[in-house]
Amino acid sequence: MKFFVNFLSAFRIAAAFAIIPTLMAQMYWTTFILYTLGAMSDWFDGYLARKYNVCTKIGGVMDHIGDKLLVVNTFIMLSIMMPVWFVVIPVIIMIARELYISGLREFLGTQKIEMPVPKARFSMGKIKTTLQMISIAAFLLIFAIGTIITPTSDSGWLKFLIYTLPPIGIYGLWFALVASVWSATQYTRTFLGHLKKIK
């Protein structure tokens, strides 16, 4: 089971990089499937690791790296494909947030201090990640559906998705930004609390 859990994290890392060429090649359905499987693996590997008590340090590192790469790589590609302010601005701020938190952790690491991810089921960081993944999935599905729908298409279901997915993607992105900034303030308070103890 430990091997399978680590495999899921490794798959997520591989999917994060595979998304780049598939988007460049306009293989939108392939990208959407890769991303969806990667996002699902994020939940499964954590669930299985806890259920079967096979949590390891290397697994935790791979899980963290896989999550960040999957989101950041896809965000960057989407910003290139949709260079509009309501996509680019939240993406830049959220990527900057990830670098900022990594910097705080790196500094505390030099002081032998850990700043773990909150374990609460509905922590702001987890809400942020969930909203990011929903938003990205909505955007990718828009591109995928765009390859099969035409002005003469009579599928009411496809037309319904074309009209509902953009708001889901955009609002999800901005709500994720709010959660991202909120969680960053929580990490900052934790960091400052540790900083006071450092001589």
N, C-alpha and C. Protein backbone atom coordinates (compact mmCIF):
# COMPACT_ATOMS: atom_id res chain seq x y z
N MET A 1 0.83 -1.21 0.00
CA MET A 1 0.00 0.00 0.00
C MET A 1 0.86 1.27 0.00
N LYS A 2 1.99 1.20 0.75
CA LYS A 2 2.88 2.36 0.80
C LYS A 2 3.38 2.71 -0.60
N PHE A 3 3.72 1.67 -1.38
CA PHE A 3 4.19 1.90 -2.76
C PHE A 3 3.10 2.56 -3.59
N PHE A 4 1.86 2.08 -3.45
CA PHE A 4 0.76 2.63 -4.25
C PHE A 4 0.48 4.09 -3.89
N VAL A 5 0.54 4.41 -2.60
CA VAL A 5 0.32 5.79 -2.16
C VAL A 5 1.38 6.71 -2.75
N ASN A 6 2.65 6.27 -2.68
CA ASN A 6 3.73 7.08 -3.25
C ASN A 6 3.62 7.15 -4.78
N PHE A 7 3.12 6.07 -5.38
CA PHE A 7 2.91 6.08 -6.83
C PHE A 7 1.90 7.15 -7.23
N LEU A 8 0.84 7.32 -6.45
CA LEU A 8 -0.16 8.33 -6.75
C LEU A 8 0.46 9.73 -6.71
N SER A 9 1.32 9.97 -5.73
CA SER A 9 1.98 11.27 -5.65
C SER A 9 2.92 11.46 -6.83
N ALA A 10 3.65 10.40 -7.20
CA ALA A 10 4.56 10.48 -8.34
C ALA A 10 3.76 10.71 -9.63
N PHE A 11 2.62 10.06 -9.75
CA PHE A 11 1.77 10.27 -10.93
C PHE A 11 1.33 11.72 -11.02
N ARG A 12 0.99 12.32 -9.89
CA ARG A 12 0.54 13.71 -9.88
C ARG A 12 1.66 14.65 -10.36
N ILE A 13 2.88 14.35 -9.97
CA ILE A 13 4.02 15.15 -10.42
C ILE A 13 4.20 14.99 -11.93
N ALA A 14 4.11 13.75 -12.41
CA ALA A 14 4.25 13.50 -13.84
C ALA A 14 3.14 14.18 -14.63
N ALA A 15 1.91 14.10 -14.11
CA ALA A 15 0.77 14.73 -14.78
C ALA A 15 0.94 16.24 -14.85
N ALA A 16 1.53 16.83 -13.80
CA ALA A 16 1.73 18.28 -13.77
C ALA A 16 2.62 18.73 -14.92
N PHE A 17 3.62 17.93 -15.25
CA PHE A 17 4.50 18.29 -16.37
C PHE A 17 3.92 17.87 -17.72
N ALA A 18 3.17 16.78 -17.74
CA ALA A 18 2.56 16.33 -19.00
C ALA A 18 1.50 17.30 -19.48
N ILE A 19 0.89 18.03 -18.56
CA ILE A 19 -0.15 19.00 -18.92
C ILE A 19 0.39 20.09 -19.83
N ILE A 20 1.66 20.46 -19.66
CA ILE A 20 2.24 21.55 -20.45
C ILE A 20 2.27 21.22 -21.94
N PRO A 21 2.89 20.12 -22.37
CA PRO A 21 2.89 19.82 -23.81
C PRO A 21 1.52 19.49 -24.38
N THR A 22 0.64 18.88 -23.57
CA THR A 22 -0.68 18.54 -24.11
C THR A 22 -1.50 19.80 -24.37
N LEU A 23 -1.34 20.80 -23.51
CA LEU A 23 -2.04 22.07 -23.76
C LEU A 23 -1.44 22.78 -24.96
N MET A 24 -0.12 22.75 -25.07
CA MET A 24 0.54 23.40 -26.21
C MET A 24 0.12 22.73 -27.53
N ALA A 25 -0.12 21.43 -27.47
CA ALA A 25 -0.54 20.69 -28.66
C ALA A 25 -2.06 20.73 -28.86
N GLN A 26 -2.75 21.49 -28.01
CA GLN A 26 -4.21 21.63 -28.06
C GLN A 26 -4.93 20.29 -27.90
N MET A 27 -4.33 19.42 -27.10
CA MET A 27 -4.97 18.13 -26.78
C MET A 27 -5.78 18.33 -25.50
N TYR A 28 -6.88 19.07 -25.64
CA TYR A 28 -7.60 19.55 -24.47
C TYR A 28 -8.27 18.44 -23.66
N TRP A 29 -8.81 17.45 -24.34
CA TRP A 29 -9.45 16.37 -23.60
C TRP A 29 -8.41 15.55 -22.82
N THR A 30 -7.24 15.34 -23.46
CA THR A 30 -6.16 14.63 -22.78
C THR A 30 -5.72 15.40 -21.55
N THR A 31 -5.60 16.72 -21.71
CA THR A 31 -5.20 17.57 -20.59
C THR A 31 -6.22 17.49 -19.46
N PHE A 32 -7.50 17.59 -19.82
CA PHE A 32 -8.55 17.56 -18.81
C PHE A 32 -8.54 16.25 -18.04
N ILE A 33 -8.37 15.13 -18.76
CA ILE A 33 -8.35 13.82 -18.12
C ILE A 33 -7.13 13.69 -17.21
N LEU A 34 -5.96 14.13 -17.70
CA LEU A 34 -4.75 14.07 -16.89
C LEU A 34 -4.90 14.90 -15.62
N TYR A 35 -5.45 16.10 -15.78
CA TYR A 35 -5.61 16.98 -14.63
C TYR A 35 -6.61 16.39 -13.64
N THR A 36 -7.72 15.88 -14.13
CA THR A 36 -8.74 15.31 -13.26
C THR A 36 -8.19 14.13 -12.46
N LEU A 37 -7.46 13.25 -13.15
CA LEU A 37 -6.87 12.11 -12.45
C LEU A 37 -5.84 12.57 -11.43
N GLY A 38 -5.07 13.60 -11.79
CA GLY A 38 -4.09 14.14 -10.85
C GLY A 38 -4.75 14.73 -9.62
N ALA A 39 -5.82 15.49 -9.84
CA ALA A 39 -6.54 16.11 -8.73
C ALA A 39 -7.18 15.04 -7.84
N MET A 40 -7.74 14.01 -8.45
CA MET A 40 -8.34 12.93 -7.67
C MET A 40 -7.29 12.17 -6.87
N SER A 41 -6.11 12.01 -7.44
CA SER A 41 -5.05 11.29 -6.73
C SER A 41 -4.62 12.04 -5.47
N ASP A 42 -4.80 13.37 -5.47
CA ASP A 42 -4.47 14.17 -4.29
C ASP A 42 -5.31 13.75 -3.10
N TRP A 43 -6.57 13.48 -3.34
CA TRP A 43 -7.45 13.05 -2.25
C TRP A 43 -7.18 11.60 -1.87
N PHE A 44 -7.01 10.74 -2.88
CA PHE A 44 -6.87 9.32 -2.62
C PHE A 44 -5.58 8.98 -1.87
N ASP A 45 -4.47 9.62 -2.25
CA ASP A 45 -3.23 9.22 -1.57
C ASP A 45 -3.24 9.65 -0.11
N GLY A 46 -3.83 10.81 0.19
CA GLY A 46 -3.95 11.23 1.58
C GLY A 46 -4.88 10.33 2.37
N TYR A 47 -6.00 9.97 1.76
CA TYR A 47 -6.98 9.10 2.43
C TYR A 47 -6.39 7.72 2.71
N LEU A 48 -5.72 7.14 1.71
CA LEU A 48 -5.16 5.81 1.88
C LEU A 48 -4.00 5.81 2.87
N ALA A 49 -3.19 6.89 2.83
CA ALA A 49 -2.05 6.97 3.76
C ALA A 49 -2.52 7.01 5.20
N ARG A 50 -3.62 7.76 5.43
CA ARG A 50 -4.14 7.84 6.80
C ARG A 50 -4.85 6.56 7.21
N LYS A 51 -5.63 5.99 6.29
CA LYS A 51 -6.41 4.79 6.62
C LYS A 51 -5.51 3.61 6.93
N TYR A 52 -4.44 3.43 6.16
CA TYR A 52 -3.58 2.27 6.35
C TYR A 52 -2.29 2.62 7.10
N ASN A 53 -2.24 3.85 7.61
CA ASN A 53 -1.10 4.29 8.43
C ASN A 53 0.23 4.04 7.72
N VAL A 54 0.31 4.52 6.49
CA VAL A 54 1.55 4.35 5.72
C VAL A 54 2.14 5.71 5.37
N CYS A 55 1.92 6.69 6.25
CA CYS A 55 2.48 8.03 6.04
C CYS A 55 4.00 7.98 6.20
N THR A 56 4.73 8.53 5.26
CA THR A 56 6.18 8.60 5.33
C THR A 56 6.63 10.02 5.01
N LYS A 57 7.86 10.33 5.41
CA LYS A 57 8.39 11.68 5.14
C LYS A 57 8.52 11.92 3.65
N ILE A 58 9.05 10.94 2.91
CA ILE A 58 9.20 11.11 1.47
C ILE A 58 7.84 11.22 0.79
N GLY A 59 6.87 10.46 1.32
CA GLY A 59 5.51 10.54 0.76
C GLY A 59 4.91 11.90 0.99
N GLY A 60 5.13 12.46 2.19
CA GLY A 60 4.62 13.79 2.49
C GLY A 60 5.23 14.85 1.59
N VAL A 61 6.54 14.72 1.33
CA VAL A 61 7.22 15.68 0.45
C VAL A 61 6.69 15.58 -0.97
N MET A 62 6.57 14.35 -1.47
CA MET A 62 6.07 14.14 -2.84
C MET A 62 4.64 14.64 -2.98
N ASP A 63 3.83 14.41 -1.94
CA ASP A 63 2.44 14.86 -1.97
C ASP A 63 2.38 16.38 -2.06
N HIS A 64 3.19 17.05 -1.26
CA HIS A 64 3.21 18.52 -1.24
C HIS A 64 3.69 19.07 -2.58
N ILE A 65 4.77 18.49 -3.11
CA ILE A 65 5.32 18.94 -4.39
C ILE A 65 4.32 18.70 -5.51
N GLY A 66 3.69 17.53 -5.50
CA GLY A 66 2.72 17.20 -6.55
C GLY A 66 1.55 18.16 -6.58
N ASP A 67 1.03 18.50 -5.40
CA ASP A 67 -0.09 19.45 -5.32
C ASP A 67 0.28 20.78 -5.94
N LYS A 68 1.44 21.32 -5.52
CA LYS A 68 1.86 22.65 -5.98
C LYS A 68 2.14 22.66 -7.47
N LEU A 69 2.85 21.63 -7.95
CA LEU A 69 3.18 21.59 -9.38
C LEU A 69 1.93 21.47 -10.25
N LEU A 70 0.99 20.64 -9.83
CA LEU A 70 -0.22 20.44 -10.62
C LEU A 70 -0.98 21.75 -10.78
N VAL A 71 -1.11 22.50 -9.69
CA VAL A 71 -1.86 23.76 -9.72
C VAL A 71 -1.06 24.85 -10.42
N VAL A 72 0.20 25.03 -10.03
CA VAL A 72 0.99 26.14 -10.57
C VAL A 72 1.26 25.97 -12.06
N ASN A 73 1.66 24.77 -12.49
CA ASN A 73 1.91 24.55 -13.91
C ASN A 73 0.67 24.84 -14.76
N THR A 74 -0.47 24.36 -14.29
CA THR A 74 -1.71 24.57 -15.05
C THR A 74 -2.11 26.04 -15.03
N PHE A 75 -1.96 26.69 -13.89
CA PHE A 75 -2.26 28.12 -13.80
C PHE A 75 -1.43 28.93 -14.80
N ILE A 76 -0.15 28.64 -14.88
CA ILE A 76 0.73 29.37 -15.79
C ILE A 76 0.28 29.17 -17.24
N MET A 77 -0.02 27.94 -17.60
CA MET A 77 -0.46 27.67 -18.97
C MET A 77 -1.79 28.36 -19.27
N LEU A 78 -2.72 28.33 -18.32
CA LEU A 78 -4.01 28.98 -18.53
C LEU A 78 -3.85 30.49 -18.67
N SER A 79 -2.91 31.07 -17.92
CA SER A 79 -2.67 32.51 -18.02
C SER A 79 -2.12 32.88 -19.39
N ILE A 80 -1.31 32.00 -19.96
CA ILE A 80 -0.79 32.24 -21.31
C ILE A 80 -1.90 32.13 -22.34
N MET A 81 -2.79 31.17 -22.14
CA MET A 81 -3.88 30.94 -23.09
C MET A 81 -5.01 31.95 -22.92
N MET A 82 -5.17 32.50 -21.70
CA MET A 82 -6.22 33.47 -21.43
C MET A 82 -5.60 34.71 -20.78
N PRO A 83 -4.87 35.53 -21.54
CA PRO A 83 -4.17 36.68 -20.96
C PRO A 83 -5.09 37.85 -20.64
N VAL A 84 -6.05 37.63 -19.76
CA VAL A 84 -6.98 38.67 -19.35
C VAL A 84 -6.78 38.94 -17.86
N TRP A 85 -7.04 40.17 -17.43
CA TRP A 85 -6.70 40.58 -16.07
C TRP A 85 -7.39 39.73 -15.00
N PHE A 86 -8.63 39.31 -15.25
CA PHE A 86 -9.35 38.58 -14.21
C PHE A 86 -8.87 37.13 -14.08
N VAL A 87 -7.96 36.72 -14.94
CA VAL A 87 -7.31 35.42 -14.78
C VAL A 87 -5.86 35.61 -14.33
N VAL A 88 -5.15 36.51 -15.00
CA VAL A 88 -3.71 36.68 -14.74
C VAL A 88 -3.45 37.23 -13.34
N ILE A 89 -4.21 38.23 -12.90
CA ILE A 89 -3.95 38.86 -11.60
C ILE A 89 -4.08 37.86 -10.44
N PRO A 90 -5.21 37.14 -10.32
CA PRO A 90 -5.28 36.17 -9.20
C PRO A 90 -4.25 35.07 -9.29
N VAL A 91 -3.91 34.66 -10.52
CA VAL A 91 -2.90 33.61 -10.68
C VAL A 91 -1.54 34.09 -10.18
N ILE A 92 -1.15 35.31 -10.56
CA ILE A 92 0.14 35.86 -10.11
C ILE A 92 0.18 35.95 -8.57
N ILE A 93 -0.90 36.46 -7.99
CA ILE A 93 -0.93 36.62 -6.53
C ILE A 93 -0.86 35.26 -5.84
N MET A 94 -1.58 34.26 -6.36
CA MET A 94 -1.58 32.96 -5.70
C MET A 94 -0.24 32.24 -5.86
N ILE A 95 0.42 32.40 -7.00
CA ILE A 95 1.74 31.81 -7.15
C ILE A 95 2.73 32.51 -6.22
N ALA A 96 2.60 33.84 -6.13
CA ALA A 96 3.47 34.59 -5.21
C ALA A 96 3.24 34.13 -3.78
N ARG A 97 2.00 33.83 -3.44
CA ARG A 97 1.69 33.34 -2.09
C ARG A 97 2.40 32.03 -1.81
N GLU A 98 2.41 31.12 -2.80
CA GLU A 98 3.08 29.84 -2.60
C GLU A 98 4.58 30.04 -2.37
N LEU A 99 5.19 30.96 -3.12
CA LEU A 99 6.61 31.24 -2.94
C LEU A 99 6.87 31.87 -1.57
N TYR A 100 5.95 32.73 -1.16
CA TYR A 100 6.08 33.40 0.14
C TYR A 100 6.04 32.40 1.29
N ILE A 101 5.06 31.51 1.25
CA ILE A 101 4.94 30.50 2.32
C ILE A 101 6.14 29.56 2.31
N SER A 102 6.60 29.20 1.11
CA SER A 102 7.78 28.33 1.01
C SER A 102 9.00 29.02 1.62
N GLY A 103 9.09 30.35 1.42
CA GLY A 103 10.19 31.11 2.01
C GLY A 103 10.14 31.10 3.52
N LEU A 104 8.94 31.27 4.07
CA LEU A 104 8.79 31.22 5.52
C LEU A 104 9.20 29.85 6.06
N ARG A 105 8.75 28.80 5.39
CA ARG A 105 9.09 27.45 5.85
C ARG A 105 10.60 27.20 5.75
N GLU A 106 11.19 27.68 4.67
CA GLU A 106 12.63 27.47 4.48
C GLU A 106 13.43 28.15 5.59
N PHE A 107 13.03 29.38 5.94
CA PHE A 107 13.75 30.09 7.01
C PHE A 107 13.60 29.36 8.33
N LEU A 108 12.36 28.96 8.67
CA LEU A 108 12.15 28.25 9.93
C LEU A 108 12.89 26.92 9.93
N GLY A 109 13.01 26.31 8.74
CA GLY A 109 13.74 25.05 8.65
C GLY A 109 15.20 25.22 9.04
N THR A 110 15.78 26.38 8.72
CA THR A 110 17.17 26.62 9.11
C THR A 110 17.31 26.76 10.61
N GLN A 111 16.19 27.04 11.28
CA GLN A 111 16.18 27.17 12.74
C GLN A 111 15.65 25.91 13.42
N LYS A 112 15.52 24.83 12.62
CA LYS A 112 15.02 23.55 13.14
C LYS A 112 13.59 23.66 13.66
N ILE A 113 12.81 24.51 13.02
CA ILE A 113 11.41 24.71 13.41
C ILE A 113 10.51 24.32 12.24
N GLU A 114 9.50 23.53 12.50
CA GLU A 114 8.55 23.12 11.46
C GLU A 114 7.32 24.01 11.47
N MET A 115 6.78 24.26 10.27
CA MET A 115 5.52 24.98 10.16
C MET A 115 4.58 24.10 9.33
N PRO A 116 3.97 23.12 9.98
CA PRO A 116 3.16 22.13 9.25
C PRO A 116 1.87 22.71 8.70
N VAL A 117 1.34 21.99 7.72
CA VAL A 117 0.03 22.36 7.16
C VAL A 117 -1.04 22.07 8.21
N PRO A 118 -1.99 22.99 8.42
CA PRO A 118 -3.07 22.73 9.40
C PRO A 118 -3.80 21.44 9.07
N LYS A 119 -4.11 20.64 10.09
CA LYS A 119 -4.75 19.35 9.88
C LYS A 119 -6.27 19.42 9.89
N ALA A 120 -6.83 20.59 10.16
CA ALA A 120 -8.28 20.73 10.20
C ALA A 120 -8.88 20.35 8.84
N ARG A 121 -10.03 19.69 8.90
CA ARG A 121 -10.66 19.21 7.66
C ARG A 121 -11.01 20.36 6.74
N PHE A 122 -11.44 21.48 7.30
CA PHE A 122 -11.84 22.61 6.47
C PHE A 122 -10.94 23.82 6.72
N SER A 123 -9.63 23.59 6.78
CA SER A 123 -8.69 24.70 6.94
C SER A 123 -8.74 25.57 5.69
N MET A 124 -8.38 26.85 5.86
CA MET A 124 -8.45 27.77 4.74
C MET A 124 -7.53 27.35 3.60
N GLY A 125 -6.40 26.73 3.94
CA GLY A 125 -5.50 26.24 2.91
C GLY A 125 -6.14 25.15 2.07
N LYS A 126 -6.86 24.24 2.72
CA LYS A 126 -7.53 23.17 1.97
C LYS A 126 -8.69 23.70 1.14
N ILE A 127 -9.39 24.69 1.68
CA ILE A 127 -10.46 25.33 0.91
C ILE A 127 -9.88 26.00 -0.32
N LYS A 128 -8.74 26.66 -0.13
CA LYS A 128 -8.05 27.31 -1.25
C LYS A 128 -7.70 26.32 -2.35
N THR A 129 -7.11 25.19 -1.94
CA THR A 129 -6.71 24.18 -2.91
C THR A 129 -7.92 23.60 -3.64
N THR A 130 -8.99 23.33 -2.91
CA THR A 130 -10.21 22.79 -3.52
C THR A 130 -10.78 23.75 -4.55
N LEU A 131 -10.86 25.03 -4.20
CA LEU A 131 -11.39 26.04 -5.12
C LEU A 131 -10.48 26.19 -6.35
N GLN A 132 -9.19 26.13 -6.14
CA GLN A 132 -8.26 26.22 -7.27
C GLN A 132 -8.49 25.07 -8.23
N MET A 133 -8.62 23.86 -7.70
CA MET A 133 -8.76 22.69 -8.56
C MET A 133 -10.09 22.70 -9.30
N ILE A 134 -11.16 23.16 -8.64
CA ILE A 134 -12.46 23.26 -9.31
C ILE A 134 -12.40 24.29 -10.42
N SER A 135 -11.78 25.44 -10.14
CA SER A 135 -11.66 26.50 -11.13
C SER A 135 -10.87 26.04 -12.35
N ILE A 136 -9.72 25.40 -12.10
CA ILE A 136 -8.89 24.92 -13.21
C ILE A 136 -9.64 23.88 -14.03
N ALA A 137 -10.32 22.95 -13.36
CA ALA A 137 -11.08 21.92 -14.07
C ALA A 137 -12.14 22.55 -14.97
N ALA A 138 -12.81 23.60 -14.47
CA ALA A 138 -13.83 24.29 -15.27
C ALA A 138 -13.22 24.90 -16.51
N PHE A 139 -12.09 25.59 -16.37
CA PHE A 139 -11.43 26.21 -17.53
C PHE A 139 -10.99 25.16 -18.55
N LEU A 140 -10.39 24.07 -18.06
CA LEU A 140 -9.92 23.03 -18.98
C LEU A 140 -11.08 22.38 -19.71
N LEU A 141 -12.20 22.20 -19.01
CA LEU A 141 -13.36 21.58 -19.64
C LEU A 141 -13.96 22.50 -20.70
N ILE A 142 -13.87 23.81 -20.49
CA ILE A 142 -14.34 24.76 -21.51
C ILE A 142 -13.56 24.56 -22.81
N PHE A 143 -12.23 24.47 -22.68
CA PHE A 143 -11.40 24.27 -23.88
C PHE A 143 -11.72 22.93 -24.54
N ALA A 144 -11.93 21.90 -23.71
CA ALA A 144 -12.21 20.57 -24.26
C ALA A 144 -13.54 20.55 -25.00
N ILE A 145 -14.58 21.11 -24.39
CA ILE A 145 -15.90 21.14 -25.04
C ILE A 145 -15.85 21.97 -26.30
N GLY A 146 -15.01 23.00 -26.31
CA GLY A 146 -14.89 23.85 -27.50
C GLY A 146 -14.44 23.10 -28.73
N THR A 147 -13.83 21.92 -28.54
CA THR A 147 -13.37 21.14 -29.69
C THR A 147 -14.48 20.31 -30.32
N ILE A 148 -15.61 20.17 -29.63
CA ILE A 148 -16.68 19.32 -30.17
C ILE A 148 -17.99 20.06 -30.41
N ILE A 149 -18.12 21.27 -29.86
CA ILE A 149 -19.36 22.00 -30.04
C ILE A 149 -19.23 22.97 -31.21
N THR A 150 -20.29 23.12 -31.96
CA THR A 150 -20.32 24.04 -33.11
C THR A 150 -21.58 24.89 -33.02
N PRO A 151 -21.66 25.97 -33.82
CA PRO A 151 -22.86 26.81 -33.80
C PRO A 151 -24.15 26.04 -34.09
N THR A 152 -24.02 24.92 -34.81
CA THR A 152 -25.21 24.14 -35.16
C THR A 152 -25.47 22.98 -34.20
N SER A 153 -24.65 22.88 -33.18
CA SER A 153 -24.84 21.78 -32.23
C SER A 153 -26.20 21.91 -31.54
N ASP A 154 -26.89 20.79 -31.40
CA ASP A 154 -28.22 20.83 -30.79
C ASP A 154 -28.22 20.18 -29.41
N SER A 155 -27.04 19.96 -28.85
CA SER A 155 -26.96 19.35 -27.53
C SER A 155 -27.19 20.40 -26.46
N GLY A 156 -28.33 20.29 -25.79
CA GLY A 156 -28.63 21.24 -24.73
C GLY A 156 -27.67 21.13 -23.57
N TRP A 157 -27.18 19.91 -23.31
CA TRP A 157 -26.25 19.70 -22.20
C TRP A 157 -24.93 20.42 -22.45
N LEU A 158 -24.41 20.30 -23.68
CA LEU A 158 -23.15 20.98 -24.00
C LEU A 158 -23.31 22.49 -23.92
N LYS A 159 -24.42 23.00 -24.45
CA LYS A 159 -24.65 24.45 -24.41
C LYS A 159 -24.80 24.94 -22.96
N PHE A 160 -25.43 24.12 -22.13
CA PHE A 160 -25.58 24.48 -20.72
C PHE A 160 -24.20 24.60 -20.06
N LEU A 161 -23.30 23.65 -20.37
CA LEU A 161 -21.96 23.69 -19.80
C LEU A 161 -21.18 24.90 -20.29
N ILE A 162 -21.31 25.22 -21.56
CA ILE A 162 -20.58 26.36 -22.13
C ILE A 162 -20.97 27.66 -21.43
N TYR A 163 -22.23 27.78 -21.01
CA TYR A 163 -22.69 29.00 -20.34
C TYR A 163 -22.40 29.00 -18.83
N THR A 164 -22.35 27.81 -18.23
CA THR A 164 -22.18 27.76 -16.77
C THR A 164 -20.73 27.59 -16.33
N LEU A 165 -19.89 27.00 -17.16
CA LEU A 165 -18.51 26.75 -16.76
C LEU A 165 -17.68 28.03 -16.59
N PRO A 166 -17.81 29.03 -17.49
CA PRO A 166 -16.99 30.24 -17.30
C PRO A 166 -17.20 30.92 -15.95
N PRO A 167 -18.46 31.13 -15.49
CA PRO A 167 -18.61 31.72 -14.15
C PRO A 167 -18.02 30.86 -13.05
N ILE A 168 -18.13 29.53 -13.18
CA ILE A 168 -17.55 28.64 -12.18
C ILE A 168 -16.03 28.83 -12.13
N GLY A 169 -15.42 28.89 -13.31
CA GLY A 169 -13.98 29.07 -13.38
C GLY A 169 -13.52 30.40 -12.82
N ILE A 170 -14.20 31.47 -13.22
CA ILE A 170 -13.79 32.82 -12.81
C ILE A 170 -14.07 33.06 -11.33
N TYR A 171 -15.29 32.79 -10.89
CA TYR A 171 -15.61 33.01 -9.48
C TYR A 171 -14.80 32.08 -8.57
N GLY A 172 -14.61 30.84 -9.04
CA GLY A 172 -13.80 29.91 -8.26
C GLY A 172 -12.37 30.42 -8.10
N LEU A 173 -11.86 31.04 -9.16
CA LEU A 173 -10.50 31.59 -9.13
C LEU A 173 -10.39 32.71 -8.11
N TRP A 174 -11.38 33.61 -8.10
CA TRP A 174 -11.31 34.75 -7.19
C TRP A 174 -11.62 34.37 -5.75
N PHE A 175 -12.51 33.42 -5.55
CA PHE A 175 -12.74 32.92 -4.18
C PHE A 175 -11.49 32.19 -3.68
N ALA A 176 -10.82 31.47 -4.59
CA ALA A 176 -9.57 30.82 -4.21
C ALA A 176 -8.52 31.86 -3.83
N LEU A 177 -8.52 32.99 -4.51
CA LEU A 177 -7.59 34.07 -4.18
C LEU A 177 -7.84 34.58 -2.76
N VAL A 178 -9.11 34.77 -2.42
CA VAL A 178 -9.46 35.23 -1.07
C VAL A 178 -8.98 34.22 -0.03
N ALA A 179 -9.27 32.94 -0.27
CA ALA A 179 -8.84 31.90 0.66
C ALA A 179 -7.31 31.82 0.73
N SER A 180 -6.66 32.06 -0.40
CA SER A 180 -5.20 32.02 -0.46
C SER A 180 -4.58 33.11 0.40
N VAL A 181 -5.09 34.33 0.26
CA VAL A 181 -4.57 35.45 1.05
C VAL A 181 -4.88 35.24 2.53
N TRP A 182 -6.08 34.76 2.81
CA TRP A 182 -6.49 34.50 4.20
C TRP A 182 -5.55 33.50 4.87
N SER A 183 -5.30 32.39 4.16
CA SER A 183 -4.43 31.37 4.74
C SER A 183 -3.00 31.89 4.88
N ALA A 184 -2.59 32.78 3.98
CA ALA A 184 -1.25 33.36 4.06
C ALA A 184 -1.11 34.20 5.33
N THR A 185 -2.18 34.90 5.71
CA THR A 185 -2.12 35.68 6.95
C THR A 185 -2.03 34.76 8.16
N GLN A 186 -2.70 33.60 8.09
CA GLN A 186 -2.61 32.64 9.19
C GLN A 186 -1.19 32.10 9.33
N TYR A 187 -0.56 31.76 8.19
CA TYR A 187 0.81 31.29 8.22
C TYR A 187 1.75 32.38 8.74
N THR A 188 1.46 33.62 8.34
CA THR A 188 2.31 34.74 8.78
C THR A 188 2.26 34.90 10.29
N ARG A 189 1.05 34.80 10.87
CA ARG A 189 0.93 34.90 12.32
C ARG A 189 1.69 33.77 13.01
N THR A 190 1.59 32.57 12.45
CA THR A 190 2.34 31.44 13.02
C THR A 190 3.84 31.69 12.92
N PHE A 191 4.27 32.20 11.77
CA PHE A 191 5.69 32.49 11.57
C PHE A 191 6.19 33.53 12.57
N LEU A 192 5.42 34.60 12.75
CA LEU A 192 5.82 35.65 13.67
C LEU A 192 5.89 35.13 15.11
N GLY A 193 4.98 34.20 15.44
CA GLY A 193 5.01 33.60 16.77
C GLY A 193 6.29 32.83 16.99
N HIS A 194 6.74 32.08 15.96
CA HIS A 194 8.01 31.36 16.07
C HIS A 194 9.19 32.32 16.07
N LEU A 195 9.07 33.39 15.30
CA LEU A 195 10.17 34.34 15.17
C LEU A 195 10.52 34.98 16.51
N LYS A 196 9.52 35.19 17.33
CA LYS A 196 9.76 35.80 18.64
C LYS A 196 10.61 34.91 19.53
N LYS A 197 10.57 33.59 19.26
CA LYS A 197 11.33 32.65 20.09
C LYS A 197 12.77 32.47 19.62
N ILE A 198 13.05 33.00 18.42
CA ILE A 198 14.39 32.84 17.86
C ILE A 198 15.30 33.96 18.35
N LYS A 199 16.43 33.61 18.91
CA LYS A 199 17.36 34.62 19.42
C LYS A 199 18.44 34.90 18.37
